[in-house]
Amino acid sequence: MKAVIIGSGVAAVEAAVQLRKRQHDVEISLYTREKVLPYRRPALTRMISEELSNVQFYLHDEKYYSEQNIHIFTDSPVVSIDRENKRILLDDGSAVEYDKLLIATGGKGFLPPIQGIELPQVLTLREHSDLTAINELLHENINQVVVIGGGLLGLEIADNLTRKNSEVTVIEACPSMLPKQLDEEGAGILVAAMEKNPRIKTLYGVFVSHIEGHHKVEGVRTKKGQHIPCDMVIVSAGMSSNFELAHQAKLEVSRAIQVDGGMRTSDPDIFAAGDCAAVNGIRYGMWNPAKEQGAVAGANMAGENLLFEPEIYGARLVAFGTRLFSVGDIGLGEGPYKEVCRTDEVNLVYRKLFFKDSKACGGILIGDIAAAQRMQKAVESGFDVGQCEATGIIC
């Protein structure tokens, strides 16, 4: 059997690993437009500050893939899928036949349609080539940067830029930072921790009007008329799925490649996993579910019939001298909610649990996140207030 995988993220690699565990004679080939071996995508931000070694950054080395007989073809963009003849076409004109195919093409950073977005110093951070472009500009003594987007990725980028001595302004359109992970009070604690760093400024509840400059970035203008001088803009305003290959191949697509719980597309010989896929209509856009989906896809390409069983996934941030953990429904749905909160504003420590129908449904930890695993279990199990007190989450 010939198994072909398009992409090189964690879903692609995990699928190859799980397929190889089950079938020793299958030919496994992975094609990616990236010019480097598969790496830990969440680690891209820390490579700005050059705090990680290559061993920590890459998923595996060349020796591992050789020993597993997994063929990695870097700098090999796939331009189309020929379902009728069961082959993929590469940009050099060559064709590769498959018996089973996995599409794991990930996502791309969303670029808002604003004036100046096309300037060469306006970047996103989704791929290794983006990292290279950012670091090349930093080596040109660019030291004023605007980050558009105050989500997890945007804040990680901002923190690592300050470690390279850049002055950074983070602009978030929502009324507070990390709008999906924090309530307003928790966001205030986080911003207080951020602004202890003299190289960081934050603007929230603010929309960008346009990026200023003719041939290079000179600044950002907000819709409130504020001018923020900068030499580089990094946009972290969300992610959209890379589903174009699937769409051209007439697979079922709706803002992502639609797959069932076994990661199968509308073609029984084609699977999809990771940020490019929506499982039963839901796109997760996170590292752990992408890895789990890849594992399911790889097993099922080998003939098994596993199902992706999603969990309640927590989010973590280590930046600006603090730590953060958020899980579940933090009061953003239809209430009513009961909240139990413990705050130490002096030491910037915050702990809050949300209850719905007397059951824990979400929680936030800032500063001290030692209770993260217990909080995760409480939310997954739907503990009541008494059970949360007994486990020390509320104290």
Protein backbone atom coordinates (compact mmCIF):
# COMPACT_ATOMS: atom_id res chain seq x y z
CA MET A 1 0.00 0.00 0.00
CA LYS A 2 1.10 3.55 -0.77
CA ALA A 3 0.15 6.14 1.85
CA VAL A 4 0.68 9.79 0.98
CA ILE A 5 0.46 12.63 3.50
CA ILE A 6 0.22 16.30 2.53
CA GLY A 7 1.56 18.59 5.25
CA SER A 8 4.19 18.46 7.98
CA GLY A 9 2.51 19.53 11.20
CA VAL A 10 1.92 17.35 14.23
CA ALA A 11 -1.21 15.78 12.68
CA ALA A 12 0.77 14.69 9.61
CA VAL A 13 3.69 13.28 11.58
CA GLU A 14 1.54 11.52 14.17
CA ALA A 15 -0.47 9.89 11.38
CA ALA A 16 2.74 8.60 9.78
CA VAL A 17 4.02 7.29 13.12
CA GLN A 18 0.78 5.48 13.98
CA LEU A 19 0.45 4.04 10.48
CA ARG A 20 3.99 2.70 10.63
CA LYS A 21 3.33 1.07 14.03
CA ARG A 22 0.50 -0.90 12.47
CA GLN A 23 1.90 -1.72 9.03
CA HIS A 24 5.61 -2.35 8.49
CA ASP A 25 5.43 -2.78 4.73
CA VAL A 26 3.36 0.29 3.79
CA GLU A 27 5.17 2.97 1.78
CA ILE A 28 4.76 6.28 3.65
CA SER A 29 5.58 9.56 1.90
CA LEU A 30 5.05 13.03 3.36
CA TYR A 31 5.08 16.12 1.11
CA THR A 32 5.38 19.64 2.47
CA ARG A 33 6.02 23.10 1.06
CA GLU A 34 8.10 23.89 4.15
CA LYS A 35 11.86 23.84 3.61
CA VAL A 36 12.68 22.24 6.98
CA LEU A 37 11.80 19.01 8.79
CA PRO A 38 8.54 18.90 10.78
CA TYR A 39 8.70 20.98 13.95
CA ARG A 40 6.65 21.94 17.00
CA ARG A 41 4.55 24.78 15.66
CA PRO A 42 3.75 26.25 19.10
CA ALA A 43 7.51 26.66 19.60
CA LEU A 44 7.82 29.16 16.72
CA THR A 45 7.31 32.07 19.11
CA ARG A 46 10.16 30.99 21.37
CA MET A 47 12.47 30.74 18.37
CA ILE A 48 12.11 34.53 17.99
CA SER A 49 14.02 34.95 21.24
CA GLU A 50 16.22 31.97 20.29
CA GLU A 51 15.57 30.28 23.63
CA LEU A 52 15.07 26.79 22.18
CA SER A 53 17.61 24.39 20.74
CA ASN A 54 16.95 22.53 17.50
CA VAL A 55 16.42 19.35 19.53
CA GLN A 56 13.54 21.04 21.36
CA PHE A 57 12.15 22.62 18.19
CA TYR A 58 12.00 19.73 15.73
CA LEU A 59 9.61 16.82 16.24
CA HIS A 60 12.24 14.26 15.15
CA ASP A 61 15.61 14.26 13.44
CA GLU A 62 16.48 12.79 10.04
CA LYS A 63 17.75 9.59 11.65
CA TYR A 64 14.33 8.89 13.18
CA TYR A 65 12.48 9.19 9.87
CA SER A 66 15.10 7.02 8.18
CA GLU A 67 14.77 4.33 10.85
CA GLN A 68 10.97 4.43 10.58
CA ASN A 69 11.15 4.35 6.76
CA ILE A 70 9.06 7.51 6.53
CA HIS A 71 10.03 9.57 3.48
CA ILE A 72 9.91 13.34 4.04
CA PHE A 73 9.90 15.54 0.92
CA THR A 74 10.51 19.15 1.96
CA ASP A 75 10.12 22.12 -0.41
CA SER A 76 7.61 20.03 -2.39
CA PRO A 77 4.31 21.90 -2.67
CA VAL A 78 1.28 19.88 -3.77
CA VAL A 79 -0.82 21.78 -6.31
CA SER A 80 -3.75 19.42 -6.85
CA ILE A 81 -5.36 16.07 -6.05
CA ASP A 82 -6.48 13.84 -8.90
CA ARG A 83 -9.10 11.67 -7.18
CA GLU A 84 -10.08 9.78 -10.33
CA ASN A 85 -6.54 8.46 -10.84
CA LYS A 86 -5.66 8.49 -7.12
CA ARG A 87 -2.60 10.68 -7.36
CA ILE A 88 -1.31 14.06 -6.23
CA LEU A 89 0.39 16.56 -8.52
CA LEU A 90 3.43 18.54 -7.38
CA ASP A 91 4.46 22.01 -8.49
CA ASP A 92 7.38 20.57 -10.49
CA GLY A 93 4.88 18.71 -12.69
CA SER A 94 5.48 15.26 -11.24
CA ALA A 95 2.71 12.98 -9.97
CA VAL A 96 2.63 10.61 -7.00
CA GLU A 97 0.11 7.79 -6.75
CA TYR A 98 -1.61 6.86 -3.50
CA ASP A 99 -3.89 4.19 -2.10
CA LYS A 100 -4.68 6.21 1.01
CA LEU A 101 -4.23 9.97 1.29
CA LEU A 102 -4.16 12.28 4.30
CA ILE A 103 -4.61 16.03 3.93
CA ALA A 104 -2.99 17.77 6.89
CA THR A 105 -2.30 21.18 5.39
CA GLY A 106 -2.97 23.14 8.58
CA GLY A 107 -4.06 26.75 8.59
CA LYS A 108 -2.89 30.20 7.64
CA GLY A 109 -2.89 33.46 9.54
CA PHE A 110 -5.84 35.74 8.78
CA LEU A 111 -4.90 39.10 7.28
CA PRO A 112 -7.61 41.76 7.73
CA PRO A 113 -8.45 43.80 4.61
CA ILE A 114 -6.87 47.08 5.71
CA GLN A 115 -4.71 49.58 3.84
CA GLY A 116 -1.01 48.80 4.09
CA ILE A 117 -1.43 45.10 4.88
CA GLU A 118 0.61 44.29 1.75
CA LEU A 119 3.77 46.07 2.95
CA PRO A 120 6.80 43.75 3.24
CA GLN A 121 7.24 44.36 6.97
CA VAL A 122 3.70 43.11 7.73
CA LEU A 123 3.94 39.45 8.72
CA THR A 124 2.14 36.58 10.39
CA LEU A 125 3.70 33.67 12.30
CA ARG A 126 2.39 30.32 11.12
CA GLU A 127 5.35 28.71 9.34
CA HIS A 128 9.12 28.51 9.59
CA SER A 129 9.47 30.92 6.65
CA ASP A 130 7.53 33.51 8.69
CA LEU A 131 9.96 33.03 11.58
CA THR A 132 12.89 33.52 9.20
CA ALA A 133 11.39 36.74 7.85
CA ILE A 134 10.75 38.12 11.36
CA ASN A 135 14.26 37.32 12.57
CA GLU A 136 15.84 38.82 9.45
CA LEU A 137 14.03 42.10 10.13
CA LEU A 138 15.03 42.03 13.79
CA HIS A 139 18.66 41.63 12.73
CA GLU A 140 18.24 44.85 10.70
CA ASN A 141 17.85 46.70 14.02
CA ILE A 142 14.09 47.01 13.79
CA ASN A 143 13.06 47.66 17.38
CA GLN A 144 9.51 49.03 17.31
CA VAL A 145 6.84 46.43 16.60
CA VAL A 146 3.05 46.42 16.67
CA VAL A 147 1.30 43.10 17.27
CA ILE A 148 -2.29 43.12 16.04
CA GLY A 149 -4.22 40.62 18.15
CA GLY A 150 -4.20 39.97 21.89
CA GLY A 151 -4.87 36.24 21.81
CA LEU A 152 -2.52 33.52 23.01
CA LEU A 153 -0.28 33.60 19.93
CA GLY A 154 -0.13 37.39 19.82
CA LEU A 155 0.92 37.64 23.46
CA GLU A 156 3.55 34.91 23.08
CA ILE A 157 4.96 36.78 20.08
CA ALA A 158 5.00 40.06 22.02
CA ASP A 159 6.73 38.52 25.03
CA ASN A 160 9.48 36.97 22.91
CA LEU A 161 9.99 40.19 20.95
CA THR A 162 10.70 42.04 24.20
CA ARG A 163 13.37 39.46 24.94
CA LYS A 164 15.06 40.67 21.75
CA ASN A 165 14.88 44.23 23.15
CA SER A 166 12.02 45.29 20.87
CA GLU A 167 9.46 47.83 22.03
CA VAL A 168 6.06 46.25 21.44
CA THR A 169 2.51 47.57 21.33
CA VAL A 170 -0.25 44.95 21.40
CA ILE A 171 -3.56 46.06 19.87
CA GLU A 172 -6.69 44.01 20.63
CA ALA A 173 -10.09 44.87 19.15
CA CYS A 174 -12.04 43.18 21.95
CA PRO A 175 -12.57 45.03 25.26
CA SER A 176 -9.88 42.93 26.99
CA MET A 177 -6.85 40.74 26.29
CA LEU A 178 -7.30 37.00 25.74
CA PRO A 179 -11.06 37.38 25.21
CA LYS A 180 -11.54 33.62 24.72
CA GLN A 181 -9.55 32.58 27.79
CA LEU A 182 -10.12 35.32 30.41
CA ASP A 183 -12.95 37.28 31.91
CA GLU A 184 -12.55 41.04 32.31
CA GLU A 185 -11.16 40.85 35.84
CA GLY A 186 -8.62 38.17 34.92
CA ALA A 187 -7.56 40.17 31.86
CA GLY A 188 -6.88 43.14 34.13
CA ILE A 189 -4.55 41.00 36.26
CA LEU A 190 -2.74 39.82 33.12
CA VAL A 191 -2.34 43.35 31.72
CA ALA A 192 -0.90 44.48 35.07
CA ALA A 193 1.70 41.71 34.78
CA MET A 194 2.43 42.64 31.15
CA GLU A 195 2.92 46.32 31.86
CA LYS A 196 5.53 45.62 34.49
CA ASN A 197 7.71 45.17 31.40
CA PRO A 198 8.72 48.68 30.24
CA ARG A 199 8.95 47.47 26.63
CA ILE A 200 5.24 46.55 26.46
CA LYS A 201 2.23 48.75 25.81
CA THR A 202 -1.33 47.47 25.46
CA LEU A 203 -4.35 48.87 23.66
CA TYR A 204 -7.66 47.01 23.87
CA GLY A 205 -11.10 47.85 22.59
CA VAL A 206 -9.20 49.48 19.71
CA PHE A 207 -9.50 48.78 15.97
CA VAL A 208 -6.72 49.34 13.45
CA SER A 209 -7.67 51.74 10.67
CA HIS A 210 -4.63 51.28 8.45
CA ILE A 211 -0.90 50.64 8.37
CA GLU A 212 1.11 53.72 7.44
CA GLY A 213 4.02 53.82 5.01
CA HIS A 214 4.64 53.75 1.26
CA HIS A 215 7.41 51.24 0.62
CA LYS A 216 7.94 50.17 4.21
CA VAL A 217 6.02 50.19 7.47
CA GLU A 218 6.19 53.49 9.34
CA GLY A 219 3.38 53.09 11.83
CA VAL A 220 -0.17 52.01 12.61
CA ARG A 221 -3.19 54.30 12.78
CA THR A 222 -6.17 53.26 14.91
CA LYS A 223 -9.79 54.13 14.21
CA LYS A 224 -9.61 56.40 17.26
CA GLY A 225 -6.91 58.39 15.46
CA GLN A 226 -3.96 57.19 17.51
CA HIS A 227 -0.62 56.90 15.70
CA ILE A 228 1.72 54.15 16.90
CA PRO A 229 5.16 54.41 15.28
CA CYS A 230 6.69 51.06 14.32
CA ASP A 231 9.00 49.38 11.82
CA MET A 232 7.23 46.01 11.70
CA VAL A 233 3.68 44.71 12.18
CA ILE A 234 2.90 41.12 13.12
CA VAL A 235 -0.73 40.14 12.63
CA SER A 236 -2.18 37.52 14.96
CA ALA A 237 -5.87 37.98 14.25
CA GLY A 238 -7.02 34.39 13.95
CA MET A 239 -6.50 31.46 11.63
CA SER A 240 -8.30 30.07 8.60
CA SER A 241 -8.02 26.52 7.30
CA ASN A 242 -5.97 25.57 4.25
CA PHE A 243 -8.73 23.66 2.47
CA GLU A 244 -8.08 24.75 -1.13
CA LEU A 245 -6.72 21.38 -2.31
CA ALA A 246 -9.79 19.61 -0.94
CA HIS A 247 -12.13 22.18 -2.47
CA GLN A 248 -10.50 21.82 -5.89
CA ALA A 249 -10.84 18.04 -5.56
CA LYS A 250 -14.56 18.49 -4.86
CA LEU A 251 -14.42 17.05 -1.36
CA GLU A 252 -16.98 18.32 1.13
CA VAL A 253 -15.73 21.66 2.45
CA SER A 254 -17.30 24.40 4.57
CA ARG A 255 -14.60 26.77 5.91
CA ALA A 256 -12.63 23.58 6.63
CA ILE A 257 -12.47 20.02 5.27
CA GLN A 258 -15.45 18.14 6.66
CA VAL A 259 -14.61 14.78 8.22
CA ASP A 260 -16.38 12.22 10.39
CA GLY A 261 -15.15 10.96 13.74
CA GLY A 262 -12.74 8.61 11.95
CA MET A 263 -11.18 11.57 10.09
CA ARG A 264 -12.62 10.37 6.77
CA THR A 265 -13.61 12.91 4.14
CA SER A 266 -16.43 12.45 1.63
CA ASP A 267 -13.96 10.22 -0.28
CA PRO A 268 -13.39 6.95 1.68
CA ASP A 269 -9.71 6.81 0.65
CA ILE A 270 -8.93 10.39 1.69
CA PHE A 271 -8.57 11.53 5.29
CA ALA A 272 -7.99 14.98 6.80
CA ALA A 273 -6.73 16.03 10.22
CA GLY A 274 -5.50 19.04 12.18
CA ASP A 275 -6.23 22.71 11.59
CA CYS A 276 -7.48 22.13 8.04
CA ALA A 277 -10.25 19.79 9.21
CA ALA A 278 -13.59 20.09 10.99
CA VAL A 279 -14.64 16.93 12.83
CA ASN A 280 -18.41 16.56 12.68
CA GLY A 281 -18.55 20.29 11.94
CA ILE A 282 -16.13 21.43 14.68
CA ARG A 283 -12.66 22.82 14.01
CA TYR A 284 -10.45 22.76 17.10
CA GLY A 285 -7.37 24.73 16.03
CA MET A 286 -5.16 23.48 18.87
CA TRP A 287 -2.02 21.34 19.15
CA ASN A 288 -3.37 18.45 21.27
CA PRO A 289 -6.51 17.73 19.23
CA ALA A 290 -4.47 17.98 16.02
CA LYS A 291 -2.09 15.33 17.34
CA GLU A 292 -4.99 13.11 18.44
CA GLN A 293 -6.73 13.51 15.07
CA GLY A 294 -3.53 12.57 13.26
CA ALA A 295 -3.22 9.44 15.39
CA VAL A 296 -6.79 8.41 14.54
CA ALA A 297 -6.26 9.10 10.84
CA GLY A 298 -3.04 7.06 10.75
CA ALA A 299 -4.66 4.11 12.51
CA ASN A 300 -7.66 4.18 10.18
CA MET A 301 -5.47 4.45 7.09
CA ALA A 302 -4.04 1.13 8.32
CA GLY A 303 -7.53 -0.39 8.36
CA GLU A 304 -8.69 0.24 11.91
CA ASN A 305 -11.91 1.99 12.85
CA LEU A 306 -10.96 4.39 15.64
CA LEU A 307 -12.88 7.54 16.52
CA PHE A 308 -11.58 10.93 17.60
CA GLU A 309 -12.93 11.52 21.09
CA PRO A 310 -12.48 15.20 21.96
CA GLU A 311 -11.79 16.33 25.50
CA ILE A 312 -12.15 19.66 27.24
CA TYR A 313 -8.87 21.28 26.23
CA GLY A 314 -7.16 23.76 28.51
CA ALA A 315 -5.07 26.71 27.32
CA ARG A 316 -1.77 27.78 28.88
CA LEU A 317 0.43 30.84 28.59
CA VAL A 318 3.87 31.40 30.09
CA ALA A 319 4.88 34.99 29.39
CA PHE A 320 5.62 38.37 30.96
CA GLY A 321 6.87 36.78 34.16
CA THR A 322 3.57 35.04 34.89
CA ARG A 323 1.69 31.85 34.10
CA LEU A 324 -1.89 31.36 33.01
CA PHE A 325 -4.30 28.44 32.65
CA SER A 326 -7.85 28.58 31.33
CA VAL A 327 -10.28 25.74 30.70
CA GLY A 328 -13.90 25.25 29.71
CA ASP A 329 -16.77 27.74 29.73
CA ILE A 330 -15.64 30.89 31.53
CA GLY A 331 -19.01 32.58 31.55
CA LEU A 332 -19.18 33.33 27.83
CA GLY A 333 -22.29 31.25 27.13
CA GLU A 334 -25.87 31.55 28.30
CA GLY A 335 -26.02 31.71 32.08
CA PRO A 336 -26.81 31.95 34.81
CA TYR A 337 -23.37 31.23 36.23
CA LYS A 338 -22.11 31.09 39.77
CA GLU A 339 -18.57 32.34 40.27
CA VAL A 340 -16.12 31.61 43.07
CA CYS A 341 -13.08 33.88 42.92
CA ARG A 342 -9.88 34.34 44.92
CA THR A 343 -7.67 37.33 44.02
CA ASP A 344 -4.34 38.65 45.28
CA GLU A 345 -3.88 41.86 43.31
CA VAL A 346 -0.57 42.67 45.01
CA ASN A 347 1.07 39.45 43.81
CA LEU A 348 -1.06 39.27 40.64
CA VAL A 349 -2.57 35.91 41.54
CA TYR A 350 -6.08 35.08 40.32
CA ARG A 351 -8.21 31.97 40.71
CA LYS A 352 -11.80 31.71 39.52
CA LEU A 353 -14.20 28.82 39.00
CA PHE A 354 -17.42 29.04 37.04
CA PHE A 355 -20.43 26.87 37.87
CA LYS A 356 -23.50 26.23 35.75
CA ASP A 357 -26.39 24.15 37.05
CA SER A 358 -24.30 23.66 40.22
CA LYS A 359 -21.49 21.96 38.25
CA ALA A 360 -18.01 23.31 37.50
CA CYS A 361 -17.95 24.31 33.83
CA GLY A 362 -14.80 26.43 33.55
CA GLY A 363 -11.92 28.01 35.39
CA ILE A 364 -9.04 30.49 35.25
CA LEU A 365 -5.68 30.50 37.02
CA ILE A 366 -3.15 33.35 36.80
CA GLY A 367 0.17 33.56 38.62
CA ASP A 368 -0.04 30.31 40.57
CA ILE A 369 -1.23 27.51 38.28
CA ALA A 370 -0.30 24.56 40.51
CA ALA A 371 -3.98 23.57 40.63
CA ALA A 372 -4.32 23.35 36.82
CA GLN A 373 -4.71 19.56 36.64
CA ARG A 374 -7.19 19.54 39.51
CA MET A 375 -9.16 22.34 37.89
CA GLN A 376 -9.19 20.46 34.57
CA LYS A 377 -10.52 17.34 36.30
CA ALA A 378 -13.16 19.35 38.17
CA VAL A 379 -14.46 20.81 34.91
CA GLU A 380 -14.34 17.49 33.05
CA SER A 381 -16.16 15.73 35.91
CA GLY A 382 -18.60 18.54 36.67
CA PHE A 383 -17.66 18.83 40.36
CA ASP A 384 -19.93 20.85 42.64
CA VAL A 385 -18.65 23.58 44.97
CA GLY A 386 -18.14 21.14 47.85
CA GLN A 387 -16.06 18.77 45.73
CA CYS A 388 -13.94 21.68 44.48
CA GLU A 389 -13.33 22.78 48.07
CA ALA A 390 -12.39 19.23 49.06
CA THR A 391 -9.76 19.01 46.31
CA GLY A 392 -8.25 22.36 47.28
CA ILE A 393 -9.17 24.21 44.09
CA ILE A 394 -11.22 26.63 46.18
CA CYS A 395 -9.48 27.59 49.39
